Amino acid sequence: MRFGLIGYGLWGQHHANAIIKAPGAELAAIACGDDASEAAAKKAFPGITVYRGYQELLARSDIDAVDVVVPNHLHAEVGVAALEAGKDMLLEKPMALSVEECDRLIEAARRNERVLTIGHEFRLSTQWGCVKTLVDEGAIGEPMYALVSLFRHPYRPGSGGWRFDGDKVGSWTLEEPVHFFDSLMWYFEDQGDPVSVLAAGSAKDRQQTGPHNMYDNFTALIRWPGQLYAMVTQTLSGFEHHQVMEIVGSEGAIRTWWSGTMDRTRHPTFELKVLKGGEEKCETLELPPSGELFELEEELVKVVEAFRTRRPIVSGEEARKRIIICLEAERSLKEGREVQLAF
């Protein structure tokens, strides 16, 4: 399966290496957005055609699929163009900056009979994915409460500083918290969709908050029908990268954490413990290597299979709901009230 990679920033470079490692995949072309990324791509892959801009890449009939890793504000533009060009597509999260853009992508995929899958790679983690298995097996009974907490260094600015430009990033809620909303909605899909969100935040530079919710500290309370609720909290004023997830059920509990000097390390420390119903002591589970670089490599393996079987890993319809909860959390923060969710 011949892939075109659109976007060759720091994360795009990792995507390129993951495509090369994936069985049945071939990196056929790279499209870049500036001089620096173009020079870096040509140096790293001298035998692969590198384009400035994505239009020529999409015009090639010998490219079967595209992997789109561009700044958030370009997801809808590039994604729709790729689908209209007849390419199956892996689109990095967040799916888009608005529900309307999500709808454009979903409609383009339907109209052109293409597979659109969104890059929520946490689902393919040996660690975070194991939580899903435990919940589905009923290891902790009925889920009642969850916490996802991230303590990390500030975001990287991205090429041209796009991640600190509200018009380009959309909001920081669409960076890491969108992953956590996806994980929780995936874990608890048997409970139905969440029904409300209440958010709070603070920023060292109040000018950041503006219309885009560029908050250094962000917390959201999400409620489902019945007793189940969850807290998602993040600070970008910390150091290194430390994530904790805790889930409590009617008959047990799960606690897992991951720590690294950087998020893109291959040498983190991590642990997953579970107290199952009827047992007196918790069990520490053995896990293969965990981290986003490992998850990305697994994602590209699964994407090849997804395109061949015509079944996305994370559909546009699912990812659209994650955008809704991000946007409604931002509205809650601005208006200072709990917001009811409608998907």
C-alpha atoms as a PDB file:
ATOM      1  CA  MET A   1       0.000   0.000   0.000  1.00  0.00           C
ATOM      2  CA  ARG A   2       1.655   3.226  -1.187  1.00  0.00           C
ATOM      3  CA  PHE A   3       1.359   6.117   1.286  1.00  0.00           C
ATOM      4  CA  GLY A   4       1.767   9.808   0.794  1.00  0.00           C
ATOM      5  CA  LEU A   5       2.692  11.720   3.933  1.00  0.00           C
ATOM      6  CA  ILE A   6       1.382  15.288   4.135  1.00  0.00           C
ATOM      7  CA  GLY A   7       3.232  17.228   6.813  1.00  0.00           C
ATOM      8  CA  TYR A   8       6.819  16.714   7.912  1.00  0.00           C
ATOM      9  CA  GLY A   9       7.168  18.575  11.196  1.00  0.00           C
ATOM     10  CA  LEU A  10       8.504  16.870  14.322  1.00  0.00           C
ATOM     11  CA  TRP A  11       5.496  14.539  14.635  1.00  0.00           C
ATOM     12  CA  GLY A  12       5.327  14.047  10.877  1.00  0.00           C
ATOM     13  CA  GLN A  13       8.881  12.734  10.957  1.00  0.00           C
ATOM     14  CA  HIS A  14       7.814  10.052  13.423  1.00  0.00           C
ATOM     15  CA  HIS A  15       4.885   9.185  11.135  1.00  0.00           C
ATOM     16  CA  ALA A  16       7.299   8.745   8.227  1.00  0.00           C
ATOM     17  CA  ASN A  17       9.392   6.271  10.202  1.00  0.00           C
ATOM     18  CA  ALA A  18       6.261   4.424  11.349  1.00  0.00           C
ATOM     19  CA  ILE A  19       5.048   4.037   7.749  1.00  0.00           C
ATOM     20  CA  ILE A  20       8.395   2.588   6.728  1.00  0.00           C
ATOM     21  CA  LYS A  21       8.261   0.040   9.555  1.00  0.00           C
ATOM     22  CA  ALA A  22       4.649  -1.038   8.906  1.00  0.00           C
ATOM     23  CA  PRO A  23       4.353  -4.362   7.042  1.00  0.00           C
ATOM     24  CA  GLY A  24       2.634  -3.909   3.689  1.00  0.00           C
ATOM     25  CA  ALA A  25       3.185  -0.136   3.612  1.00  0.00           C
ATOM     26  CA  GLU A  26       5.496   1.926   1.415  1.00  0.00           C
ATOM     27  CA  LEU A  27       6.297   5.602   1.837  1.00  0.00           C
ATOM     28  CA  ALA A  28       5.942   6.886  -1.731  1.00  0.00           C
ATOM     29  CA  ALA A  29       5.971  10.686  -1.360  1.00  0.00           C
ATOM     30  CA  ILE A  30       6.133  13.492   1.202  1.00  0.00           C
ATOM     31  CA  ALA A  31       4.510  16.923   1.024  1.00  0.00           C
ATOM     32  CA  CYS A  32       6.015  19.734   3.091  1.00  0.00           C
ATOM     33  CA  GLY A  33       4.846  23.185   4.085  1.00  0.00           C
ATOM     34  CA  ASP A  34       8.076  25.178   4.412  1.00  0.00           C
ATOM     35  CA  ASP A  35      11.762  25.283   3.486  1.00  0.00           C
ATOM     36  CA  ALA A  36      13.000  23.693   6.695  1.00  0.00           C
ATOM     37  CA  SER A  37      10.724  20.645   6.547  1.00  0.00           C
ATOM     38  CA  GLU A  38      11.354  20.219   2.827  1.00  0.00           C
ATOM     39  CA  ALA A  39      15.128  20.194   3.369  1.00  0.00           C
ATOM     40  CA  ALA A  40      14.799  17.775   6.291  1.00  0.00           C
ATOM     41  CA  ALA A  41      12.614  15.362   4.283  1.00  0.00           C
ATOM     42  CA  LYS A  42      14.984  15.362   1.305  1.00  0.00           C
ATOM     43  CA  LYS A  43      17.936  14.688   3.575  1.00  0.00           C
ATOM     44  CA  ALA A  44      16.207  11.861   5.462  1.00  0.00           C
ATOM     45  CA  PHE A  45      14.646  10.236   2.356  1.00  0.00           C
ATOM     46  CA  PRO A  46      16.812  10.990  -0.693  1.00  0.00           C
ATOM     47  CA  GLY A  47      15.080   8.311  -2.769  1.00  0.00           C
ATOM     48  CA  ILE A  48      11.540   9.577  -2.158  1.00  0.00           C
ATOM     49  CA  THR A  49       9.842  12.429  -4.018  1.00  0.00           C
ATOM     50  CA  VAL A  50       9.326  15.474  -1.788  1.00  0.00           C
ATOM     51  CA  TYR A  51       6.793  18.127  -2.773  1.00  0.00           C
ATOM     52  CA  ARG A  52       6.281  21.675  -1.578  1.00  0.00           C
ATOM     53  CA  GLY A  53       2.535  21.698  -0.965  1.00  0.00           C
ATOM     54  CA  TYR A  54       0.148  18.744  -1.113  1.00  0.00           C
ATOM     55  CA  GLN A  55      -1.683  19.183  -4.433  1.00  0.00           C
ATOM     56  CA  GLU A  56       0.858  17.373  -6.631  1.00  0.00           C
ATOM     57  CA  LEU A  57       1.026  14.480  -4.197  1.00  0.00           C
ATOM     58  CA  LEU A  58      -2.765  14.068  -4.261  1.00  0.00           C
ATOM     59  CA  ALA A  59      -2.766  14.134  -8.057  1.00  0.00           C
ATOM     60  CA  ARG A  60      -0.658  10.967  -8.231  1.00  0.00           C
ATOM     61  CA  SER A  61      -2.742   7.938  -9.166  1.00  0.00           C
ATOM     62  CA  ASP A  62      -0.121   5.529  -7.795  1.00  0.00           C
ATOM     63  CA  ILE A  63      -0.655   6.685  -4.192  1.00  0.00           C
ATOM     64  CA  ASP A  64      -3.304   4.633  -2.410  1.00  0.00           C
ATOM     65  CA  ALA A  65      -3.556   6.397   0.939  1.00  0.00           C
ATOM     66  CA  VAL A  66      -2.402   9.508   2.744  1.00  0.00           C
ATOM     67  CA  ASP A  67      -1.292  10.198   6.284  1.00  0.00           C
ATOM     68  CA  VAL A  68      -2.104  13.831   7.156  1.00  0.00           C
ATOM     69  CA  VAL A  69      -0.006  15.427   9.913  1.00  0.00           C
ATOM     70  CA  VAL A  70      -0.497  19.186   9.524  1.00  0.00           C
ATOM     71  CA  PRO A  71      -1.468  22.003  11.939  1.00  0.00           C
ATOM     72  CA  ASN A  72      -5.018  21.728  13.262  1.00  0.00           C
ATOM     73  CA  HIS A  73      -6.531  24.518  11.167  1.00  0.00           C
ATOM     74  CA  LEU A  74      -5.530  22.692   7.955  1.00  0.00           C
ATOM     75  CA  HIS A  75      -7.121  19.336   8.828  1.00  0.00           C
ATOM     76  CA  ALA A  76     -10.430  20.012   7.082  1.00  0.00           C
ATOM     77  CA  GLU A  77      -8.897  21.675   4.007  1.00  0.00           C
ATOM     78  CA  VAL A  78      -6.269  19.003   3.370  1.00  0.00           C
ATOM     79  CA  GLY A  79      -8.498  16.143   4.522  1.00  0.00           C
ATOM     80  CA  VAL A  80     -11.392  16.971   2.224  1.00  0.00           C
ATOM     81  CA  ALA A  81      -8.985  17.443  -0.704  1.00  0.00           C
ATOM     82  CA  ALA A  82      -7.419  14.028  -0.043  1.00  0.00           C
ATOM     83  CA  LEU A  83     -10.780  12.280   0.132  1.00  0.00           C
ATOM     84  CA  GLU A  84     -11.979  14.027  -3.030  1.00  0.00           C
ATOM     85  CA  ALA A  85      -8.791  12.816  -4.720  1.00  0.00           C
ATOM     86  CA  GLY A  86      -9.842   9.246  -3.928  1.00  0.00           C
ATOM     87  CA  LYS A  87      -7.352   8.528  -1.142  1.00  0.00           C
ATOM     88  CA  ASP A  88      -8.017   6.598   2.042  1.00  0.00           C
ATOM     89  CA  MET A  89      -6.784   8.709   4.920  1.00  0.00           C
ATOM     90  CA  LEU A  90      -5.314   8.628   8.400  1.00  0.00           C
ATOM     91  CA  LEU A  91      -5.947  12.109   9.807  1.00  0.00           C
ATOM     92  CA  GLU A  92      -4.169  13.179  12.970  1.00  0.00           C
ATOM     93  CA  LYS A  93      -6.276  14.291  15.923  1.00  0.00           C
ATOM     94  CA  PRO A  94      -8.073  16.570  16.510  1.00  0.00           C
ATOM     95  CA  MET A  95     -10.359  15.704  13.615  1.00  0.00           C
ATOM     96  CA  ALA A  96     -11.091  19.398  12.955  1.00  0.00           C
ATOM     97  CA  LEU A  97     -11.713  22.712  14.689  1.00  0.00           C
ATOM     98  CA  SER A  98     -15.510  22.721  14.386  1.00  0.00           C
ATOM     99  CA  VAL A  99     -18.455  20.369  14.022  1.00  0.00           C
ATOM    100  CA  GLU A 100     -19.094  21.829  10.554  1.00  0.00           C
ATOM    101  CA  GLU A 101     -15.580  20.871   9.450  1.00  0.00           C
ATOM    102  CA  CYS A 102     -16.092  17.362  10.853  1.00  0.00           C
ATOM    103  CA  ASP A 103     -19.279  17.057   8.829  1.00  0.00           C
ATOM    104  CA  ARG A 104     -17.462  18.119   5.650  1.00  0.00           C
ATOM    105  CA  LEU A 105     -14.872  15.385   6.190  1.00  0.00           C
ATOM    106  CA  ILE A 106     -17.468  12.708   6.928  1.00  0.00           C
ATOM    107  CA  GLU A 107     -19.517  13.652   3.869  1.00  0.00           C
ATOM    108  CA  ALA A 108     -16.434  13.670   1.611  1.00  0.00           C
ATOM    109  CA  ALA A 109     -15.505  10.174   2.835  1.00  0.00           C
ATOM    110  CA  ARG A 110     -19.032   8.884   2.183  1.00  0.00           C
ATOM    111  CA  ARG A 111     -19.361  10.524  -1.210  1.00  0.00           C
ATOM    112  CA  ASN A 112     -16.046   9.147  -2.440  1.00  0.00           C
ATOM    113  CA  GLU A 113     -16.376   5.769  -0.690  1.00  0.00           C
ATOM    114  CA  ARG A 114     -13.089   6.284   1.138  1.00  0.00           C
ATOM    115  CA  VAL A 115     -11.958   5.100   4.579  1.00  0.00           C
ATOM    116  CA  LEU A 116     -11.375   7.964   6.992  1.00  0.00           C
ATOM    117  CA  THR A 117      -9.764   7.071  10.320  1.00  0.00           C
ATOM    118  CA  ILE A 118      -8.705   9.552  12.994  1.00  0.00           C
ATOM    119  CA  GLY A 119      -5.404   9.313  14.891  1.00  0.00           C
ATOM    120  CA  HIS A 120      -6.507   8.604  18.447  1.00  0.00           C
ATOM    121  CA  GLU A 121      -3.572   6.263  18.914  1.00  0.00           C
ATOM    122  CA  PHE A 122      -4.092   5.828  22.685  1.00  0.00           C
ATOM    123  CA  ARG A 123      -6.564   3.093  21.739  1.00  0.00           C
ATOM    124  CA  LEU A 124      -3.663   1.032  20.398  1.00  0.00           C
ATOM    125  CA  SER A 125      -1.555   1.393  23.531  1.00  0.00           C
ATOM    126  CA  THR A 126      -0.470  -1.722  25.394  1.00  0.00           C
ATOM    127  CA  GLN A 127      -1.168   0.269  28.565  1.00  0.00           C
ATOM    128  CA  TRP A 128      -4.217   2.478  27.963  1.00  0.00           C
ATOM    129  CA  GLY A 129      -5.754  -0.205  25.750  1.00  0.00           C
ATOM    130  CA  CYS A 130      -5.400  -2.746  28.563  1.00  0.00           C
ATOM    131  CA  VAL A 131      -7.701  -0.553  30.671  1.00  0.00           C
ATOM    132  CA  LYS A 132     -10.417  -0.995  28.037  1.00  0.00           C
ATOM    133  CA  THR A 133      -9.990  -4.770  28.169  1.00  0.00           C
ATOM    134  CA  LEU A 134     -10.310  -4.827  31.961  1.00  0.00           C
ATOM    135  CA  VAL A 135     -13.429  -2.640  31.920  1.00  0.00           C
ATOM    136  CA  ASP A 136     -15.056  -4.737  29.169  1.00  0.00           C
ATOM    137  CA  GLU A 137     -14.270  -7.972  31.024  1.00  0.00           C
ATOM    138  CA  GLY A 138     -16.119  -6.659  34.071  1.00  0.00           C
ATOM    139  CA  ALA A 139     -12.965  -6.865  36.197  1.00  0.00           C
ATOM    140  CA  ILE A 140     -14.093  -3.895  38.323  1.00  0.00           C
ATOM    141  CA  GLY A 141     -17.841  -4.278  37.975  1.00  0.00           C
ATOM    142  CA  GLU A 142     -19.910  -1.295  36.863  1.00  0.00           C
ATOM    143  CA  PRO A 143     -17.739   1.819  36.277  1.00  0.00           C
ATOM    144  CA  MET A 144     -18.599   4.632  38.672  1.00  0.00           C
ATOM    145  CA  TYR A 145     -15.738   7.153  38.599  1.00  0.00           C
ATOM    146  CA  ALA A 146     -12.636   7.955  36.550  1.00  0.00           C
ATOM    147  CA  LEU A 147      -9.748  10.406  36.719  1.00  0.00           C
ATOM    148  CA  VAL A 148      -7.299  11.323  33.974  1.00  0.00           C
ATOM    149  CA  SER A 149      -4.540  13.691  35.065  1.00  0.00           C
ATOM    150  CA  LEU A 150      -1.661  15.066  32.983  1.00  0.00           C
ATOM    151  CA  PHE A 151       1.234  17.056  34.482  1.00  0.00           C
ATOM    152  CA  ARG A 152       3.628  18.171  31.770  1.00  0.00           C
ATOM    153  CA  HIS A 153       5.947  20.805  30.317  1.00  0.00           C
ATOM    154  CA  PRO A 154       4.440  23.493  28.041  1.00  0.00           C
ATOM    155  CA  TYR A 155       3.436  22.492  24.527  1.00  0.00           C
ATOM    156  CA  ARG A 156       6.005  22.687  21.771  1.00  0.00           C
ATOM    157  CA  PRO A 157       5.246  25.752  19.623  1.00  0.00           C
ATOM    158  CA  GLY A 158       5.168  23.831  16.322  1.00  0.00           C
ATOM    159  CA  SER A 159       6.355  25.130  12.959  1.00  0.00           C
ATOM    160  CA  GLY A 160       5.927  28.900  12.878  1.00  0.00           C
ATOM    161  CA  GLY A 161       4.511  28.800  16.407  1.00  0.00           C
ATOM    162  CA  TRP A 162       1.116  27.501  15.238  1.00  0.00           C
ATOM    163  CA  ARG A 163       0.332  25.747  18.535  1.00  0.00           C
ATOM    164  CA  PHE A 164       0.362  29.126  20.300  1.00  0.00           C
ATOM    165  CA  ASP A 165      -1.807  30.786  17.649  1.00  0.00           C
ATOM    166  CA  GLY A 166      -5.463  30.369  18.623  1.00  0.00           C
ATOM    167  CA  ASP A 167      -6.709  30.617  15.041  1.00  0.00           C
ATOM    168  CA  LYS A 168      -4.465  27.705  14.033  1.00  0.00           C
ATOM    169  CA  VAL A 169      -4.571  25.400  17.055  1.00  0.00           C
ATOM    170  CA  GLY A 170      -8.246  26.059  17.817  1.00  0.00           C
ATOM    171  CA  SER A 171      -7.662  25.627  21.539  1.00  0.00           C
ATOM    172  CA  TRP A 172      -5.407  23.627  23.816  1.00  0.00           C
ATOM    173  CA  THR A 173      -8.431  21.527  24.759  1.00  0.00           C
ATOM    174  CA  LEU A 174      -8.105  20.050  21.261  1.00  0.00           C
ATOM    175  CA  GLU A 175      -4.497  18.981  21.888  1.00  0.00           C
ATOM    176  CA  GLU A 176      -4.215  16.528  24.819  1.00  0.00           C
ATOM    177  CA  PRO A 177      -7.679  16.587  26.492  1.00  0.00           C
ATOM    178  CA  VAL A 178      -9.284  15.396  23.238  1.00  0.00           C
ATOM    179  CA  HIS A 179      -7.301  12.164  23.683  1.00  0.00           C
ATOM    180  CA  PHE A 180      -8.592  11.753  27.224  1.00  0.00           C
ATOM    181  CA  PHE A 181     -12.198  12.395  26.215  1.00  0.00           C
ATOM    182  CA  ASP A 182     -11.789   9.763  23.513  1.00  0.00           C
ATOM    183  CA  SER A 183     -10.350   7.222  25.953  1.00  0.00           C
ATOM    184  CA  LEU A 184     -13.144   7.730  28.486  1.00  0.00           C
ATOM    185  CA  MET A 185     -15.936   7.606  25.893  1.00  0.00           C
ATOM    186  CA  TRP A 186     -14.341   4.455  24.465  1.00  0.00           C
ATOM    187  CA  TYR A 187     -13.959   2.760  27.865  1.00  0.00           C
ATOM    188  CA  PHE A 188     -17.527   3.568  28.846  1.00  0.00           C
ATOM    189  CA  GLU A 189     -19.280   3.183  25.493  1.00  0.00           C
ATOM    190  CA  ASP A 190     -21.639   0.636  27.067  1.00  0.00           C
ATOM    191  CA  GLN A 191     -22.886   3.426  29.349  1.00  0.00           C
ATOM    192  CA  GLY A 192     -23.948   5.573  26.389  1.00  0.00           C
ATOM    193  CA  ASP A 193     -22.762   9.070  25.562  1.00  0.00           C
ATOM    194  CA  PRO A 194     -21.962  11.544  28.355  1.00  0.00           C
ATOM    195  CA  VAL A 195     -24.741  13.999  29.132  1.00  0.00           C
ATOM    196  CA  SER A 196     -22.973  17.094  30.475  1.00  0.00           C
ATOM    197  CA  VAL A 197     -19.631  18.818  31.003  1.00  0.00           C
ATOM    198  CA  LEU A 198     -18.479  21.462  33.469  1.00  0.00           C
ATOM    199  CA  ALA A 199     -15.033  23.019  32.946  1.00  0.00           C
ATOM    200  CA  ALA A 200     -12.650  25.389  34.726  1.00  0.00           C
ATOM    201  CA  GLY A 201      -9.278  26.805  33.785  1.00  0.00           C
ATOM    202  CA  SER A 202      -6.580  29.344  34.560  1.00  0.00           C
ATOM    203  CA  ALA A 203      -3.694  30.927  32.661  1.00  0.00           C
ATOM    204  CA  LYS A 204      -0.489  32.659  33.673  1.00  0.00           C
ATOM    205  CA  ASP A 205      -0.986  35.085  30.796  1.00  0.00           C
ATOM    206  CA  ARG A 206      -4.627  36.151  30.816  1.00  0.00           C
ATOM    207  CA  GLN A 207      -4.320  37.371  27.214  1.00  0.00           C
ATOM    208  CA  GLN A 208      -4.035  33.703  26.204  1.00  0.00           C
ATOM    209  CA  THR A 209      -7.561  32.916  27.318  1.00  0.00           C
ATOM    210  CA  GLY A 210      -9.325  35.179  24.812  1.00  0.00           C
ATOM    211  CA  PRO A 211     -11.732  33.378  22.469  1.00  0.00           C
ATOM    212  CA  HIS A 212      -9.546  30.275  22.146  1.00  0.00           C
ATOM    213  CA  ASN A 213      -9.188  28.837  25.670  1.00  0.00           C
ATOM    214  CA  MET A 214      -5.397  28.799  25.756  1.00  0.00           C
ATOM    215  CA  TYR A 215      -5.347  27.776  29.410  1.00  0.00           C
ATOM    216  CA  ASP A 216      -2.224  26.474  31.143  1.00  0.00           C
ATOM    217  CA  ASN A 217      -4.463  24.627  33.588  1.00  0.00           C
ATOM    218  CA  PHE A 218      -7.697  22.924  32.522  1.00  0.00           C
ATOM    219  CA  THR A 219     -10.176  20.679  34.304  1.00  0.00           C
ATOM    220  CA  ALA A 220     -13.444  19.153  33.107  1.00  0.00           C
ATOM    221  CA  LEU A 221     -16.117  17.181  34.952  1.00  0.00           C
ATOM    222  CA  ILE A 222     -18.038  14.862  32.616  1.00  0.00           C
ATOM    223  CA  ARG A 223     -21.242  13.097  33.603  1.00  0.00           C
ATOM    224  CA  TRP A 224     -22.918  10.034  32.081  1.00  0.00           C
ATOM    225  CA  PRO A 225     -26.444   8.782  32.698  1.00  0.00           C
ATOM    226  CA  GLY A 226     -26.691   7.310  36.187  1.00  0.00           C
ATOM    227  CA  GLN A 227     -23.842   7.554  38.732  1.00  0.00           C
ATOM    228  CA  LEU A 228     -20.834   7.504  36.401  1.00  0.00           C
ATOM    229  CA  TYR A 229     -18.701  10.636  36.177  1.00  0.00           C
ATOM    230  CA  ALA A 230     -15.094  11.476  35.293  1.00  0.00           C
ATOM    231  CA  MET A 231     -12.531  14.207  35.840  1.00  0.00           C
ATOM    232  CA  VAL A 232     -10.043  15.257  33.166  1.00  0.00           C
ATOM    233  CA  THR A 233      -7.357  17.620  34.379  1.00  0.00           C
ATOM    234  CA  GLN A 234      -4.206  18.957  32.756  1.00  0.00           C
ATOM    235  CA  THR A 235      -1.464  21.424  33.573  1.00  0.00           C
ATOM    236  CA  LEU A 236       1.016  22.741  31.020  1.00  0.00           C
ATOM    237  CA  SER A 237       3.003  24.527  33.740  1.00  0.00           C
ATOM    238  CA  GLY A 238       4.704  21.428  35.056  1.00  0.00           C
ATOM    239  CA  PHE A 239       7.801  19.554  34.011  1.00  0.00           C
ATOM    240  CA  GLU A 240       8.539  16.382  32.086  1.00  0.00           C
ATOM    241  CA  HIS A 241       5.450  14.289  31.171  1.00  0.00           C
ATOM    242  CA  HIS A 242       3.451  12.442  33.827  1.00  0.00           C
ATOM    243  CA  GLN A 243       0.014  10.920  33.236  1.00  0.00           C
ATOM    244  CA  VAL A 244      -2.233   9.098  35.711  1.00  0.00           C
ATOM    245  CA  MET A 245      -5.494   7.266  35.090  1.00  0.00           C
ATOM    246  CA  GLU A 246      -7.731   5.855  37.826  1.00  0.00           C
ATOM    247  CA  ILE A 247     -11.050   4.050  37.366  1.00  0.00           C
ATOM    248  CA  VAL A 248     -13.248   2.846  40.214  1.00  0.00           C
ATOM    249  CA  GLY A 249     -16.071   0.373  39.734  1.00  0.00           C
ATOM    250  CA  SER A 250     -18.687  -1.241  41.917  1.00  0.00           C
ATOM    251  CA  GLU A 251     -16.420  -4.261  42.498  1.00  0.00           C
ATOM    252  CA  GLY A 252     -12.839  -3.080  41.998  1.00  0.00           C
ATOM    253  CA  ALA A 253     -10.463  -0.403  40.752  1.00  0.00           C
ATOM    254  CA  ILE A 254      -7.693   0.287  38.220  1.00  0.00           C
ATOM    255  CA  ARG A 255      -4.743   2.628  38.630  1.00  0.00           C
ATOM    256  CA  THR A 256      -2.137   3.194  35.956  1.00  0.00           C
ATOM    257  CA  TRP A 257       0.534   5.822  35.322  1.00  0.00           C
ATOM    258  CA  TRP A 258       3.186   6.744  32.768  1.00  0.00           C
ATOM    259  CA  SER A 259       6.225   9.015  33.269  1.00  0.00           C
ATOM    260  CA  GLY A 260       9.012  10.213  31.020  1.00  0.00           C
ATOM    261  CA  THR A 261      11.352  13.144  30.733  1.00  0.00           C
ATOM    262  CA  MET A 262       9.549  13.822  27.437  1.00  0.00           C
ATOM    263  CA  ASP A 263       6.354  12.472  25.929  1.00  0.00           C
ATOM    264  CA  ARG A 264       8.258  11.048  22.959  1.00  0.00           C
ATOM    265  CA  THR A 265      10.669   8.873  24.884  1.00  0.00           C
ATOM    266  CA  ARG A 266      11.294   5.190  24.278  1.00  0.00           C
ATOM    267  CA  HIS A 267      12.471   4.731  27.847  1.00  0.00           C
ATOM    268  CA  PRO A 268       9.587   5.701  30.167  1.00  0.00           C
ATOM    269  CA  THR A 269       8.522   4.224  33.476  1.00  0.00           C
ATOM    270  CA  PHE A 270       4.951   2.994  33.806  1.00  0.00           C
ATOM    271  CA  GLU A 271       2.717   0.695  35.800  1.00  0.00           C
ATOM    272  CA  LEU A 272      -0.795  -0.747  35.787  1.00  0.00           C
ATOM    273  CA  LYS A 273      -2.457  -2.177  38.895  1.00  0.00           C
ATOM    274  CA  VAL A 274      -5.937  -3.655  39.195  1.00  0.00           C
ATOM    275  CA  LEU A 275      -8.010  -4.750  42.172  1.00  0.00           C
ATOM    276  CA  LYS A 276     -10.580  -7.175  40.808  1.00  0.00           C
ATOM    277  CA  GLY A 277     -13.900  -8.026  42.359  1.00  0.00           C
ATOM    278  CA  GLY A 278     -13.570 -10.643  45.085  1.00  0.00           C
ATOM    279  CA  GLU A 279      -9.814 -10.252  45.490  1.00  0.00           C
ATOM    280  CA  GLU A 280      -8.126  -8.829  48.589  1.00  0.00           C
ATOM    281  CA  LYS A 281      -4.922  -7.561  46.989  1.00  0.00           C
ATOM    282  CA  CYS A 282      -4.280  -5.627  43.784  1.00  0.00           C
ATOM    283  CA  GLU A 283      -2.369  -7.200  40.922  1.00  0.00           C
ATOM    284  CA  THR A 284       0.432  -5.498  38.997  1.00  0.00           C
ATOM    285  CA  LEU A 285       0.133  -6.428  35.325  1.00  0.00           C
ATOM    286  CA  GLU A 286       3.159  -6.913  33.101  1.00  0.00           C
ATOM    287  CA  LEU A 287       3.037  -4.661  30.043  1.00  0.00           C
ATOM    288  CA  PRO A 288       5.058  -4.413  26.813  1.00  0.00           C
ATOM    289  CA  PRO A 289       6.720  -1.028  26.049  1.00  0.00           C
ATOM    290  CA  SER A 290       4.280   1.868  26.358  1.00  0.00           C
ATOM    291  CA  GLY A 291       4.343   5.379  24.942  1.00  0.00           C
ATOM    292  CA  GLU A 292       3.168   7.394  21.954  1.00  0.00           C
ATOM    293  CA  LEU A 293       6.041   6.337  19.690  1.00  0.00           C
ATOM    294  CA  PHE A 294       5.132   2.679  20.206  1.00  0.00           C
ATOM    295  CA  GLU A 295       1.436   3.502  19.802  1.00  0.00           C
ATOM    296  CA  LEU A 296       2.110   5.350  16.537  1.00  0.00           C
ATOM    297  CA  GLU A 297       3.952   2.367  15.077  1.00  0.00           C
ATOM    298  CA  GLU A 298       1.081   0.062  16.044  1.00  0.00           C
ATOM    299  CA  GLU A 299      -1.383   2.564  14.583  1.00  0.00           C
ATOM    300  CA  LEU A 300       0.273   2.437  11.144  1.00  0.00           C
ATOM    301  CA  VAL A 301       0.224  -1.373  11.222  1.00  0.00           C
ATOM    302  CA  LYS A 302      -3.497  -1.288  12.012  1.00  0.00           C
ATOM    303  CA  VAL A 303      -4.188   1.458   9.455  1.00  0.00           C
ATOM    304  CA  VAL A 304      -2.928  -0.739   6.616  1.00  0.00           C
ATOM    305  CA  GLU A 305      -5.343  -3.442   7.788  1.00  0.00           C
ATOM    306  CA  ALA A 306      -8.149  -0.901   8.224  1.00  0.00           C
ATOM    307  CA  PHE A 307      -7.808   0.356   4.657  1.00  0.00           C
ATOM    308  CA  ARG A 308      -7.695  -3.189   3.268  1.00  0.00           C
ATOM    309  CA  THR A 309     -10.769  -4.311   5.202  1.00  0.00           C
ATOM    310  CA  ARG A 310     -12.579  -0.963   4.674  1.00  0.00           C
ATOM    311  CA  ARG A 311     -13.139  -0.492   8.428  1.00  0.00           C
ATOM    312  CA  PRO A 312     -11.684   2.563  10.204  1.00  0.00           C
ATOM    313  CA  ILE A 313      -9.974   2.237  13.575  1.00  0.00           C
ATOM    314  CA  VAL A 314     -11.640   5.421  14.859  1.00  0.00           C
ATOM    315  CA  SER A 315     -14.415   6.594  12.567  1.00  0.00           C
ATOM    316  CA  GLY A 316     -15.184  10.192  11.685  1.00  0.00           C
ATOM    317  CA  GLU A 317     -18.526   9.837  13.432  1.00  0.00           C
ATOM    318  CA  GLU A 318     -16.808   8.817  16.678  1.00  0.00           C
ATOM    319  CA  ALA A 319     -14.138  11.516  16.441  1.00  0.00           C
ATOM    320  CA  ARG A 320     -16.819  14.144  15.762  1.00  0.00           C
ATOM    321  CA  LYS A 321     -18.279  13.467  19.225  1.00  0.00           C
ATOM    322  CA  ARG A 322     -14.873  14.142  20.783  1.00  0.00           C
ATOM    323  CA  ILE A 323     -14.766  17.519  19.049  1.00  0.00           C
ATOM    324  CA  ILE A 324     -18.241  18.324  20.384  1.00  0.00           C
ATOM    325  CA  ILE A 325     -17.226  17.603  23.973  1.00  0.00           C
ATOM    326  CA  CYS A 326     -14.072  19.730  23.591  1.00  0.00           C
ATOM    327  CA  LEU A 327     -16.056  22.655  22.203  1.00  0.00           C
ATOM    328  CA  GLU A 328     -18.758  22.326  24.845  1.00  0.00           C
ATOM    329  CA  ALA A 329     -16.118  22.170  27.595  1.00  0.00           C
ATOM    330  CA  GLU A 330     -14.734  25.439  26.238  1.00  0.00           C
ATOM    331  CA  ARG A 331     -18.225  26.940  26.265  1.00  0.00           C
ATOM    332  CA  SER A 332     -18.704  25.805  29.839  1.00  0.00           C
ATOM    333  CA  LEU A 333     -15.442  27.463  30.819  1.00  0.00           C
ATOM    334  CA  LYS A 334     -16.373  30.750  29.143  1.00  0.00           C
ATOM    335  CA  GLU A 335     -19.933  30.836  30.503  1.00  0.00           C
ATOM    336  CA  GLY A 336     -19.114  29.477  33.963  1.00  0.00           C
ATOM    337  CA  ARG A 337     -21.828  26.806  33.963  1.00  0.00           C
ATOM    338  CA  GLU A 338     -22.471  23.141  33.279  1.00  0.00           C
ATOM    339  CA  VAL A 339     -23.384  22.504  29.648  1.00  0.00           C
ATOM    340  CA  GLN A 340     -25.715  19.735  28.493  1.00  0.00           C
ATOM    341  CA  LEU A 341     -24.303  17.637  25.663  1.00  0.00           C
ATOM    342  CA  ALA A 342     -26.120  16.799  22.436  1.00  0.00           C
ATOM    343  CA  PHE A 343     -24.375  14.586  19.885  1.00  0.00           C
END
